[in-house]
């Protein structure tokens, strides 16, 4: 997990983001998350990571952590999700940052030799952000 955090700290320094600060203000726990790699629970200020992430590439884990850090940061800065629009807005923002970070690590097409379901999903999210943002929004609507 520490290598993933370092990837995020490097990203923060390069881009002026505060992802690691949001992570520092959150409790991070490992627990089974059926149907999700991770989740931020605002009322508990907790990010829950699925244990399978321990087996993943630290760069992939960093993008998952960064996604949740965006949720934490949005919540700390703007308050909780009060409407359907804010829910979608927070998700779009988190997926967009996740895609941008993944592309920075592996290029515009993502990781060429994706080894896991998570890496495949990250490649797919990155492609959607670049070529069909409407698809990303439809996918978010379907999931949430």
N, C-alpha and C. Protein backbone atom coordinates (compact mmCIF):
# COMPACT_ATOMS: atom_id res chain seq x y z
N UNK A 1 0.83 -1.20 0.00
CA UNK A 1 0.00 0.00 0.00
C UNK A 1 0.87 1.26 0.00
N UNK A 2 2.03 1.18 0.64
CA UNK A 2 2.89 2.35 0.73
C UNK A 2 3.40 2.78 -0.66
N UNK A 3 3.69 1.82 -1.52
CA UNK A 3 4.13 2.19 -2.88
C UNK A 3 3.02 2.92 -3.62
N UNK A 4 1.79 2.48 -3.44
CA UNK A 4 0.64 3.16 -4.06
C UNK A 4 0.51 4.58 -3.52
N UNK A 5 0.70 4.75 -2.23
CA UNK A 5 0.64 6.10 -1.64
C UNK A 5 1.74 6.99 -2.20
N UNK A 6 2.92 6.42 -2.43
CA UNK A 6 4.01 7.21 -3.00
C UNK A 6 3.68 7.65 -4.42
N UNK A 7 3.05 6.78 -5.20
CA UNK A 7 2.61 7.16 -6.55
C UNK A 7 1.68 8.37 -6.46
N UNK A 8 0.80 8.37 -5.49
CA UNK A 8 -0.14 9.48 -5.30
C UNK A 8 0.59 10.74 -4.86
N UNK A 9 1.55 10.62 -3.95
CA UNK A 9 2.31 11.79 -3.51
C UNK A 9 3.07 12.43 -4.69
N UNK A 10 3.65 11.60 -5.54
CA UNK A 10 4.34 12.11 -6.73
C UNK A 10 3.35 12.83 -7.64
N UNK A 11 2.18 12.24 -7.84
CA UNK A 11 1.15 12.87 -8.67
C UNK A 11 0.75 14.22 -8.07
N UNK A 12 0.54 14.27 -6.75
CA UNK A 12 0.18 15.52 -6.09
C UNK A 12 1.24 16.60 -6.32
N UNK A 13 2.50 16.25 -6.14
CA UNK A 13 3.57 17.24 -6.32
C UNK A 13 3.60 17.76 -7.76
N UNK A 14 3.39 16.86 -8.70
CA UNK A 14 3.46 17.24 -10.12
C UNK A 14 2.28 18.10 -10.54
N UNK A 15 1.09 17.81 -10.01
CA UNK A 15 -0.14 18.45 -10.49
C UNK A 15 -0.79 19.42 -9.51
N UNK A 16 -0.22 19.56 -8.32
CA UNK A 16 -0.80 20.47 -7.34
C UNK A 16 -2.10 19.99 -6.75
N UNK A 17 -2.33 18.68 -6.79
CA UNK A 17 -3.54 18.12 -6.20
C UNK A 17 -3.31 17.82 -4.71
N UNK A 18 -4.37 17.48 -4.02
CA UNK A 18 -4.29 17.22 -2.58
C UNK A 18 -4.84 15.83 -2.24
N UNK A 19 -4.58 14.89 -3.11
CA UNK A 19 -5.11 13.54 -2.91
C UNK A 19 -4.55 12.90 -1.64
N UNK A 20 -3.24 13.02 -1.43
CA UNK A 20 -2.65 12.41 -0.24
C UNK A 20 -3.15 13.06 1.04
N UNK A 21 -3.39 14.36 0.99
CA UNK A 21 -3.96 15.05 2.15
C UNK A 21 -5.33 14.48 2.48
N UNK A 22 -6.14 14.25 1.46
CA UNK A 22 -7.47 13.65 1.68
C UNK A 22 -7.32 12.26 2.26
N UNK A 23 -6.33 11.50 1.79
CA UNK A 23 -6.10 10.16 2.33
C UNK A 23 -5.66 10.22 3.79
N UNK A 24 -4.83 11.20 4.12
CA UNK A 24 -4.38 11.35 5.50
C UNK A 24 -5.53 11.67 6.44
N UNK A 25 -6.53 12.34 5.93
CA UNK A 25 -7.70 12.71 6.75
C UNK A 25 -8.74 11.59 6.82
N UNK A 26 -8.45 10.50 6.13
CA UNK A 26 -9.39 9.37 6.08
C UNK A 26 -8.75 8.15 6.71
N UNK A 27 -9.59 7.33 7.26
CA UNK A 27 -9.13 6.03 7.76
C UNK A 27 -9.21 5.06 6.60
N UNK A 28 -8.17 4.28 6.40
CA UNK A 28 -8.17 3.29 5.31
C UNK A 28 -8.22 1.91 5.93
N UNK A 29 -9.21 1.12 5.50
CA UNK A 29 -9.37 -0.23 6.02
C UNK A 29 -9.45 -1.21 4.85
N UNK A 30 -9.06 -2.43 5.13
CA UNK A 30 -9.16 -3.50 4.14
C UNK A 30 -10.35 -4.37 4.54
N UNK A 31 -11.30 -4.48 3.67
CA UNK A 31 -12.49 -5.30 3.93
C UNK A 31 -13.13 -5.65 2.58
N UNK A 32 -13.80 -6.75 2.53
CA UNK A 32 -14.45 -7.21 1.29
C UNK A 32 -15.48 -6.19 0.83
N UNK A 33 -15.41 -5.82 -0.45
CA UNK A 33 -16.34 -4.88 -1.07
C UNK A 33 -16.97 -5.54 -2.28
N UNK A 34 -17.97 -6.38 -2.11
CA UNK A 34 -18.57 -7.05 -3.26
C UNK A 34 -19.02 -6.05 -4.32
N UNK A 35 -18.55 -6.27 -5.54
CA UNK A 35 -18.95 -5.41 -6.65
C UNK A 35 -18.18 -4.11 -6.76
N UNK A 36 -17.19 -3.89 -5.90
CA UNK A 36 -16.42 -2.64 -5.96
C UNK A 36 -14.99 -2.90 -5.49
N UNK A 37 -14.08 -2.17 -6.09
CA UNK A 37 -12.67 -2.27 -5.65
C UNK A 37 -12.49 -1.53 -4.33
N UNK A 38 -13.26 -0.47 -4.14
CA UNK A 38 -13.11 0.37 -2.96
C UNK A 38 -14.36 1.23 -2.80
N UNK A 39 -14.45 1.88 -1.64
CA UNK A 39 -15.56 2.80 -1.40
C UNK A 39 -15.17 3.79 -0.31
N UNK A 40 -15.65 5.01 -0.46
CA UNK A 40 -15.49 6.02 0.57
C UNK A 40 -16.80 6.15 1.31
N UNK A 41 -16.75 6.06 2.64
CA UNK A 41 -17.95 6.22 3.48
C UNK A 41 -17.81 7.55 4.21
N UNK A 42 -18.50 8.59 3.72
CA UNK A 42 -18.31 9.93 4.28
C UNK A 42 -18.59 10.03 5.78
N UNK A 43 -19.66 9.40 6.24
CA UNK A 43 -20.03 9.53 7.65
C UNK A 43 -18.96 8.96 8.58
N UNK A 44 -18.17 8.03 8.08
CA UNK A 44 -17.11 7.43 8.89
C UNK A 44 -15.71 7.94 8.51
N UNK A 45 -15.67 8.78 7.46
CA UNK A 45 -14.37 9.24 6.92
C UNK A 45 -13.44 8.06 6.68
N UNK A 46 -13.99 7.04 6.05
CA UNK A 46 -13.28 5.78 5.86
C UNK A 46 -13.27 5.38 4.39
N UNK A 47 -12.11 4.95 3.94
CA UNK A 47 -11.97 4.35 2.62
C UNK A 47 -11.76 2.86 2.84
N UNK A 48 -12.64 2.08 2.27
CA UNK A 48 -12.55 0.62 2.37
C UNK A 48 -12.00 0.09 1.06
N UNK A 49 -10.94 -0.71 1.16
CA UNK A 49 -10.32 -1.32 0.00
C UNK A 49 -10.53 -2.82 0.03
N UNK A 50 -10.90 -3.38 -1.10
CA UNK A 50 -11.07 -4.83 -1.19
C UNK A 50 -9.71 -5.51 -1.00
N UNK A 51 -9.65 -6.60 -0.24
CA UNK A 51 -8.37 -7.29 0.00
C UNK A 51 -7.66 -7.75 -1.26
N UNK A 52 -8.40 -7.97 -2.35
CA UNK A 52 -7.78 -8.40 -3.60
C UNK A 52 -6.77 -7.37 -4.11
N UNK A 53 -6.94 -6.12 -3.69
CA UNK A 53 -6.02 -5.07 -4.15
C UNK A 53 -4.59 -5.31 -3.66
N UNK A 54 -4.43 -6.09 -2.60
CA UNK A 54 -3.08 -6.43 -2.12
C UNK A 54 -2.28 -7.17 -3.19
N UNK A 55 -2.96 -7.83 -4.10
CA UNK A 55 -2.31 -8.61 -5.14
C UNK A 55 -2.10 -7.83 -6.43
N UNK A 56 -2.61 -6.61 -6.48
CA UNK A 56 -2.57 -5.80 -7.71
C UNK A 56 -1.29 -4.98 -7.79
N UNK A 57 -1.00 -4.56 -9.01
CA UNK A 57 0.09 -3.64 -9.29
C UNK A 57 -0.12 -2.36 -8.45
N UNK A 58 0.91 -1.89 -7.73
CA UNK A 58 0.74 -0.68 -6.91
C UNK A 58 0.26 0.54 -7.69
N UNK A 59 0.60 0.63 -8.97
CA UNK A 59 0.11 1.76 -9.77
C UNK A 59 -1.39 1.66 -9.98
N UNK A 60 -1.91 0.47 -10.16
CA UNK A 60 -3.35 0.28 -10.29
C UNK A 60 -4.04 0.60 -8.97
N UNK A 61 -3.45 0.15 -7.88
CA UNK A 61 -4.00 0.45 -6.55
C UNK A 61 -4.00 1.96 -6.31
N UNK A 62 -2.94 2.63 -6.76
CA UNK A 62 -2.86 4.08 -6.59
C UNK A 62 -4.03 4.78 -7.27
N UNK A 63 -4.41 4.31 -8.46
CA UNK A 63 -5.52 4.97 -9.16
C UNK A 63 -6.85 4.71 -8.44
N UNK A 64 -7.00 3.53 -7.85
CA UNK A 64 -8.20 3.24 -7.07
C UNK A 64 -8.24 4.13 -5.83
N UNK A 65 -7.10 4.22 -5.14
CA UNK A 65 -7.01 5.09 -3.96
C UNK A 65 -7.25 6.55 -4.34
N UNK A 66 -6.71 6.96 -5.47
CA UNK A 66 -6.90 8.34 -5.91
C UNK A 66 -8.37 8.63 -6.18
N UNK A 67 -9.06 7.66 -6.80
CA UNK A 67 -10.50 7.80 -7.05
C UNK A 67 -11.23 8.07 -5.73
N UNK A 68 -10.93 7.27 -4.73
CA UNK A 68 -11.59 7.44 -3.43
C UNK A 68 -11.14 8.72 -2.74
N UNK A 69 -9.88 9.12 -2.96
CA UNK A 69 -9.39 10.37 -2.38
C UNK A 69 -10.14 11.57 -2.97
N UNK A 70 -10.50 11.49 -4.24
CA UNK A 70 -11.32 12.56 -4.84
C UNK A 70 -12.66 12.64 -4.12
N UNK A 71 -13.27 11.50 -3.84
CA UNK A 71 -14.53 11.51 -3.09
C UNK A 71 -14.34 12.13 -1.71
N UNK A 72 -13.26 11.74 -1.04
CA UNK A 72 -12.99 12.28 0.29
C UNK A 72 -12.78 13.80 0.21
N UNK A 73 -11.96 14.22 -0.72
CA UNK A 73 -11.68 15.65 -0.88
C UNK A 73 -12.96 16.42 -1.21
N UNK A 74 -13.75 15.92 -2.15
CA UNK A 74 -15.01 16.59 -2.49
C UNK A 74 -15.91 16.71 -1.27
N UNK A 75 -15.98 15.65 -0.49
CA UNK A 75 -16.83 15.67 0.71
C UNK A 75 -16.31 16.66 1.73
N UNK A 76 -15.00 16.66 1.97
CA UNK A 76 -14.43 17.58 2.95
C UNK A 76 -14.59 19.04 2.50
N UNK A 77 -14.46 19.27 1.19
CA UNK A 77 -14.53 20.64 0.69
C UNK A 77 -15.96 21.14 0.47
N UNK A 78 -16.83 20.26 -0.05
CA UNK A 78 -18.14 20.71 -0.51
C UNK A 78 -19.31 20.10 0.25
N UNK A 79 -19.04 19.18 1.14
CA UNK A 79 -20.12 18.53 1.87
C UNK A 79 -20.53 17.22 1.21
N UNK A 80 -21.44 16.56 1.83
CA UNK A 80 -21.87 15.25 1.35
C UNK A 80 -22.72 15.33 0.10
N UNK A 81 -23.04 14.16 -0.38
CA UNK A 81 -23.89 14.05 -1.57
C UNK A 81 -25.33 14.27 -1.13
N UNK A 82 -25.92 15.34 -1.66
CA UNK A 82 -27.29 15.68 -1.26
C UNK A 82 -28.31 15.45 -2.36
N UNK A 83 -27.83 15.33 -3.59
CA UNK A 83 -28.74 15.19 -4.72
C UNK A 83 -28.19 14.16 -5.69
N UNK A 84 -29.03 13.73 -6.60
CA UNK A 84 -28.58 12.81 -7.65
C UNK A 84 -27.52 13.48 -8.50
N UNK A 85 -27.70 14.75 -8.78
CA UNK A 85 -26.72 15.48 -9.60
C UNK A 85 -25.37 15.52 -8.91
N UNK A 86 -25.34 15.78 -7.60
CA UNK A 86 -24.04 15.81 -6.91
C UNK A 86 -23.40 14.42 -6.89
N UNK A 87 -24.20 13.39 -6.77
CA UNK A 87 -23.67 12.02 -6.81
C UNK A 87 -22.96 11.77 -8.13
N UNK A 88 -23.63 12.06 -9.23
CA UNK A 88 -23.03 11.85 -10.54
C UNK A 88 -21.83 12.76 -10.76
N UNK A 89 -21.93 13.99 -10.31
CA UNK A 89 -20.82 14.93 -10.46
C UNK A 89 -19.57 14.42 -9.74
N UNK A 90 -19.75 13.95 -8.50
CA UNK A 90 -18.61 13.42 -7.74
C UNK A 90 -18.03 12.19 -8.44
N UNK A 91 -18.88 11.32 -8.94
CA UNK A 91 -18.38 10.11 -9.61
C UNK A 91 -17.65 10.45 -10.90
N UNK A 92 -18.20 11.34 -11.69
CA UNK A 92 -17.55 11.72 -12.94
C UNK A 92 -16.17 12.30 -12.64
N UNK A 93 -16.10 13.16 -11.65
CA UNK A 93 -14.83 13.77 -11.26
C UNK A 93 -13.81 12.71 -10.83
N UNK A 94 -14.25 11.75 -10.03
CA UNK A 94 -13.35 10.71 -9.54
C UNK A 94 -12.88 9.78 -10.66
N UNK A 95 -13.80 9.38 -11.53
CA UNK A 95 -13.40 8.52 -12.65
C UNK A 95 -12.48 9.26 -13.62
N UNK A 96 -12.74 10.54 -13.82
CA UNK A 96 -11.89 11.31 -14.73
C UNK A 96 -10.46 11.38 -14.19
N UNK A 97 -10.32 11.72 -12.91
CA UNK A 97 -8.97 11.79 -12.34
C UNK A 97 -8.29 10.42 -12.41
N UNK A 98 -9.04 9.38 -12.11
CA UNK A 98 -8.49 8.02 -12.17
C UNK A 98 -7.96 7.72 -13.57
N UNK A 99 -8.71 8.09 -14.59
CA UNK A 99 -8.30 7.85 -15.97
C UNK A 99 -7.06 8.67 -16.32
N UNK A 100 -7.05 9.92 -15.92
CA UNK A 100 -5.90 10.78 -16.21
C UNK A 100 -4.64 10.24 -15.54
N UNK A 101 -4.76 9.80 -14.31
CA UNK A 101 -3.61 9.25 -13.60
C UNK A 101 -3.12 7.98 -14.30
N UNK A 102 -4.03 7.10 -14.67
CA UNK A 102 -3.68 5.84 -15.35
C UNK A 102 -2.97 6.14 -16.67
N UNK A 103 -3.47 7.12 -17.41
CA UNK A 103 -2.84 7.48 -18.68
C UNK A 103 -1.46 8.10 -18.47
N UNK A 104 -1.30 8.84 -17.41
CA UNK A 104 0.01 9.40 -17.12
C UNK A 104 1.02 8.29 -16.81
N UNK A 105 0.55 7.25 -16.15
CA UNK A 105 1.42 6.14 -15.81
C UNK A 105 1.74 5.25 -17.00
N UNK A 106 0.76 5.07 -17.91
CA UNK A 106 0.92 4.08 -18.99
C UNK A 106 0.67 4.61 -20.40
N UNK A 107 0.37 5.87 -20.55
CA UNK A 107 0.13 6.41 -21.88
C UNK A 107 -1.36 6.49 -22.20
N UNK A 108 -1.69 7.14 -23.32
CA UNK A 108 -3.09 7.42 -23.65
C UNK A 108 -3.97 6.17 -23.80
N UNK A 109 -3.39 5.06 -24.18
CA UNK A 109 -4.18 3.82 -24.34
C UNK A 109 -4.19 2.95 -23.10
N UNK A 110 -3.49 3.39 -22.06
CA UNK A 110 -3.42 2.58 -20.85
C UNK A 110 -2.31 1.55 -20.92
N UNK A 111 -2.36 0.59 -20.03
CA UNK A 111 -1.33 -0.43 -19.94
C UNK A 111 -1.51 -1.45 -21.07
N UNK A 112 -0.51 -1.54 -21.93
CA UNK A 112 -0.61 -2.40 -23.12
C UNK A 112 -0.76 -3.87 -22.77
N UNK A 113 -0.14 -4.31 -21.72
CA UNK A 113 -0.18 -5.73 -21.35
C UNK A 113 -0.92 -5.92 -20.03
N UNK A 114 -2.16 -5.45 -19.99
CA UNK A 114 -2.97 -5.56 -18.77
C UNK A 114 -3.02 -7.02 -18.32
N UNK A 115 -2.74 -7.22 -17.04
CA UNK A 115 -2.64 -8.57 -16.48
C UNK A 115 -3.84 -8.98 -15.64
N UNK A 116 -4.66 -8.02 -15.23
CA UNK A 116 -5.73 -8.32 -14.28
C UNK A 116 -7.03 -7.65 -14.73
N UNK A 117 -8.11 -8.06 -14.10
CA UNK A 117 -9.41 -7.43 -14.38
C UNK A 117 -9.37 -5.94 -14.05
N UNK A 118 -8.70 -5.58 -12.95
CA UNK A 118 -8.61 -4.17 -12.59
C UNK A 118 -7.88 -3.38 -13.66
N UNK A 119 -6.76 -3.88 -14.14
CA UNK A 119 -6.01 -3.18 -15.19
C UNK A 119 -6.83 -3.07 -16.48
N UNK A 120 -7.57 -4.10 -16.82
CA UNK A 120 -8.48 -4.03 -17.98
C UNK A 120 -9.53 -2.94 -17.78
N UNK A 121 -10.10 -2.89 -16.58
CA UNK A 121 -11.12 -1.88 -16.29
C UNK A 121 -10.53 -0.48 -16.36
N UNK A 122 -9.33 -0.30 -15.83
CA UNK A 122 -8.69 1.01 -15.87
C UNK A 122 -8.39 1.43 -17.31
N UNK A 123 -7.96 0.48 -18.13
CA UNK A 123 -7.77 0.78 -19.55
C UNK A 123 -9.08 1.21 -20.20
N UNK A 124 -10.16 0.51 -19.87
CA UNK A 124 -11.47 0.81 -20.44
C UNK A 124 -11.95 2.21 -20.01
N UNK A 125 -11.75 2.54 -18.76
CA UNK A 125 -12.15 3.86 -18.26
C UNK A 125 -11.34 4.94 -18.98
N UNK A 126 -10.04 4.71 -19.13
CA UNK A 126 -9.19 5.69 -19.81
C UNK A 126 -9.64 5.89 -21.26
N UNK A 127 -9.95 4.80 -21.93
CA UNK A 127 -10.42 4.91 -23.33
C UNK A 127 -11.74 5.67 -23.40
N UNK A 128 -12.63 5.39 -22.47
CA UNK A 128 -13.93 6.08 -22.46
C UNK A 128 -13.76 7.58 -22.26
N UNK A 129 -12.89 7.97 -21.34
CA UNK A 129 -12.67 9.39 -21.09
C UNK A 129 -12.14 10.07 -22.34
N UNK A 130 -11.28 9.37 -23.08
CA UNK A 130 -10.66 9.97 -24.29
C UNK A 130 -11.56 9.95 -25.50
N UNK A 131 -12.29 8.88 -25.70
CA UNK A 131 -12.98 8.71 -26.98
C UNK A 131 -14.49 8.80 -26.90
N UNK A 132 -15.07 8.50 -25.73
CA UNK A 132 -16.53 8.48 -25.62
C UNK A 132 -16.96 8.83 -24.20
N UNK A 133 -16.80 10.10 -23.79
CA UNK A 133 -17.18 10.48 -22.43
C UNK A 133 -18.65 10.18 -22.12
N UNK A 134 -19.49 10.21 -23.14
CA UNK A 134 -20.90 9.88 -22.93
C UNK A 134 -21.06 8.46 -22.44
N UNK A 135 -20.24 7.55 -22.95
CA UNK A 135 -20.28 6.16 -22.50
C UNK A 135 -19.91 6.06 -21.02
N UNK A 136 -18.88 6.82 -20.62
CA UNK A 136 -18.48 6.82 -19.22
C UNK A 136 -19.64 7.28 -18.34
N UNK A 137 -20.32 8.34 -18.76
CA UNK A 137 -21.44 8.85 -17.99
C UNK A 137 -22.57 7.82 -17.94
N UNK A 138 -22.84 7.17 -19.07
CA UNK A 138 -23.88 6.12 -19.08
C UNK A 138 -23.49 4.96 -18.15
N UNK A 139 -22.22 4.57 -18.17
CA UNK A 139 -21.75 3.51 -17.28
C UNK A 139 -21.92 3.90 -15.82
N UNK A 140 -21.60 5.14 -15.51
CA UNK A 140 -21.77 5.63 -14.12
C UNK A 140 -23.24 5.61 -13.74
N UNK A 141 -24.11 6.05 -14.64
CA UNK A 141 -25.56 6.02 -14.35
C UNK A 141 -26.02 4.59 -14.11
N UNK A 142 -25.51 3.66 -14.90
CA UNK A 142 -25.92 2.26 -14.76
C UNK A 142 -25.45 1.70 -13.41
N UNK A 143 -24.22 2.02 -13.02
CA UNK A 143 -23.66 1.48 -11.77
C UNK A 143 -24.27 2.10 -10.54
N UNK A 144 -24.65 3.38 -10.65
CA UNK A 144 -25.09 4.09 -9.45
C UNK A 144 -26.55 4.46 -9.54
